Amino acid sequence: EEMGRARWGRQPTRLDVQRTVPKMVRIVDVNKGVKTGLDSGDLAAVAAVIGDQSIDASSKNLKRDKDVSDLQKAKPYMYRYAQAFSKASDSPLTTDMKTQLDAYFASMSATREEALKGSLDGAKAAYAEADKALNLLVDMVEQET
């Protein structure tokens, strides 16, 4: 029985996965650190583990030993992985994945801003949004693959 059309143009190859997934895994520790900090009310730790999101992981910044956060180091690989579900133009799955990635990174930046302001409730609310976006992203991929 036909399950409806696939929402991806192609599946990531083993090479795609090998090139992206190990670099994406860093966000796991970042998320754990944020959760731990929020649970204990340590907003300084939350802000520190997220890091300055205005410094992107360009080769120039990395070479200059700028303080590039793990989130920024993972970011291009996460978008590259989303792109791996597309051929020339973005598949519906890639488009949806990018939307959730945008939401995740924006919410993580907001979490840091709230933490720097000293607002535990604000940081928790922003992190809940980031967590939701990430869970939606994982669910999308699992449904399709």
Protein backbone atom coordinates (compact mmCIF):
# COMPACT_ATOMS: atom_id res chain seq x y z
CA GLU A 1 0.00 0.00 0.00
CA GLU A 2 1.37 3.40 -1.02
CA MET A 3 2.24 5.55 1.97
CA GLY A 4 2.14 8.87 0.12
CA ARG A 5 5.09 10.51 -1.58
CA ALA A 6 8.42 10.75 0.17
CA ARG A 7 9.15 14.27 1.36
CA TRP A 8 12.83 14.07 0.45
CA GLY A 9 14.61 14.22 -2.89
CA ARG A 10 17.38 11.87 -1.80
CA GLN A 11 18.55 10.10 1.33
CA PRO A 12 21.83 11.14 2.96
CA THR A 13 24.62 8.80 1.91
CA ARG A 14 26.89 7.09 4.41
CA LEU A 15 29.51 9.71 3.53
CA ASP A 16 27.02 12.55 4.21
CA VAL A 17 26.35 11.06 7.62
CA GLN A 18 30.04 10.50 8.40
CA ARG A 19 30.84 14.10 7.48
CA THR A 20 28.04 15.73 9.47
CA VAL A 21 26.74 13.66 12.37
CA PRO A 22 29.96 13.53 14.48
CA LYS A 23 30.18 17.34 14.20
CA MET A 24 26.51 17.77 15.17
CA VAL A 25 26.80 15.67 18.32
CA ARG A 26 28.37 18.61 20.21
CA ILE A 27 24.92 20.10 20.71
CA VAL A 28 24.04 17.18 23.01
CA ASP A 29 26.51 18.40 25.64
CA VAL A 30 25.41 22.01 25.15
CA ASN A 31 21.76 21.03 25.72
CA LYS A 32 22.73 18.95 28.79
CA GLY A 33 24.69 21.89 30.17
CA VAL A 34 21.77 24.27 29.63
CA LYS A 35 19.33 21.84 31.30
CA THR A 36 21.66 21.36 34.28
CA GLY A 37 22.19 25.11 34.64
CA LEU A 38 18.48 25.86 34.44
CA ASP A 39 17.62 23.12 36.94
CA SER A 40 20.11 24.50 39.46
CA GLY A 41 19.30 28.14 38.67
CA ASP A 42 22.88 28.82 37.53
CA LEU A 43 22.27 31.38 34.80
CA ALA A 44 25.97 32.17 34.38
CA ALA A 45 26.60 28.52 33.47
CA VAL A 46 23.68 28.60 31.01
CA ALA A 47 25.07 31.68 29.26
CA ALA A 48 28.59 30.23 29.25
CA VAL A 49 27.63 26.83 27.80
CA ILE A 50 25.62 28.45 24.99
CA GLY A 51 28.36 30.96 24.25
CA ASP A 52 28.40 34.08 22.10
CA GLN A 53 26.21 33.32 19.08
CA SER A 54 27.37 36.44 17.23
CA ILE A 55 30.76 34.81 16.54
CA ASP A 56 30.21 32.35 13.71
CA ALA A 57 32.40 29.36 12.93
CA SER A 58 34.08 30.88 9.90
CA SER A 59 37.57 29.59 9.19
CA LYS A 60 38.85 33.11 9.86
CA ASN A 61 37.34 33.16 13.37
CA LEU A 62 38.51 29.62 14.10
CA LYS A 63 42.07 30.42 12.95
CA ARG A 64 42.14 33.60 15.02
CA ASP A 65 41.25 31.58 18.12
CA LYS A 66 38.08 33.56 18.56
CA ASP A 67 35.82 32.09 21.20
CA VAL A 68 33.58 30.17 18.80
CA SER A 69 30.81 28.33 20.66
CA ASP A 70 30.12 24.63 20.13
CA LEU A 71 26.67 25.56 18.83
CA GLN A 72 28.20 27.69 16.10
CA LYS A 73 30.68 24.92 15.29
CA ALA A 74 27.80 22.44 14.90
CA LYS A 75 25.49 24.79 13.01
CA PRO A 76 26.85 24.49 9.44
CA TYR A 77 26.90 20.70 9.73
CA MET A 78 23.29 20.63 10.88
CA TYR A 79 22.20 22.67 7.89
CA ARG A 80 24.38 20.53 5.62
CA TYR A 81 22.67 17.40 6.96
CA ALA A 82 19.25 18.95 6.25
CA GLN A 83 20.47 19.75 2.72
CA ALA A 84 21.45 16.10 2.24
CA PHE A 85 17.74 15.24 1.85
CA SER A 86 17.57 17.34 -1.32
CA LYS A 87 18.78 17.26 -4.88
CA ALA A 88 19.09 20.56 -6.78
CA SER A 89 16.17 22.32 -5.09
CA ASP A 90 15.14 21.96 -1.46
CA SER A 91 12.81 19.06 -0.75
CA PRO A 92 9.83 19.69 1.56
CA LEU A 93 11.69 17.81 4.29
CA THR A 94 14.82 19.99 3.93
CA THR A 95 12.66 23.14 4.03
CA ASP A 96 10.92 21.97 7.22
CA MET A 97 14.21 20.90 8.81
CA LYS A 98 15.73 24.33 8.09
CA THR A 99 12.70 26.02 9.67
CA GLN A 100 13.22 24.00 12.87
CA LEU A 101 16.99 24.65 12.82
CA ASP A 102 16.34 28.39 12.49
CA ALA A 103 13.94 28.18 15.44
CA TYR A 104 16.41 26.13 17.50
CA PHE A 105 19.36 28.50 17.03
CA ALA A 106 17.19 31.60 17.57
CA SER A 107 15.76 30.11 20.77
CA MET A 108 19.20 29.12 22.06
CA SER A 109 20.38 32.72 21.49
CA ALA A 110 17.27 33.95 23.31
CA THR A 111 18.00 31.53 26.17
CA ARG A 112 21.47 33.06 26.55
CA GLU A 113 20.09 36.62 26.39
CA GLU A 114 17.56 35.82 29.12
CA ALA A 115 20.26 34.17 31.23
CA LEU A 116 22.50 37.23 30.86
CA LYS A 117 19.56 39.41 31.96
CA GLY A 118 19.18 37.23 35.06
CA SER A 119 15.74 35.92 34.11
CA LEU A 120 15.43 32.24 35.02
CA ASP A 121 11.81 32.05 33.84
CA GLY A 122 12.69 33.75 30.55
CA ALA A 123 15.63 31.40 30.00
CA LYS A 124 13.49 28.35 30.77
CA ALA A 125 10.77 29.50 28.37
CA ALA A 126 13.26 30.20 25.56
CA TYR A 127 14.99 26.85 26.11
CA ALA A 128 11.64 25.05 26.02
CA GLU A 129 11.16 26.51 22.51
CA ALA A 130 14.63 25.35 21.45
CA ASP A 131 13.97 21.88 22.84
CA LYS A 132 10.63 21.70 21.01
CA ALA A 133 12.23 22.68 17.69
CA LEU A 134 14.95 20.06 18.11
CA ASN A 135 12.44 17.33 18.99
CA LEU A 136 10.30 18.23 15.96
CA LEU A 137 13.40 18.03 13.78
CA VAL A 138 14.34 14.58 15.11
CA ASP A 139 10.76 13.33 14.69
CA MET A 140 10.65 14.55 11.07
CA VAL A 141 13.82 12.69 10.17
CA GLU A 142 12.71 9.53 11.97
CA GLN A 143 9.33 9.53 10.19
CA GLU A 144 10.97 9.80 6.80
CA THR A 145 13.95 7.48 7.13
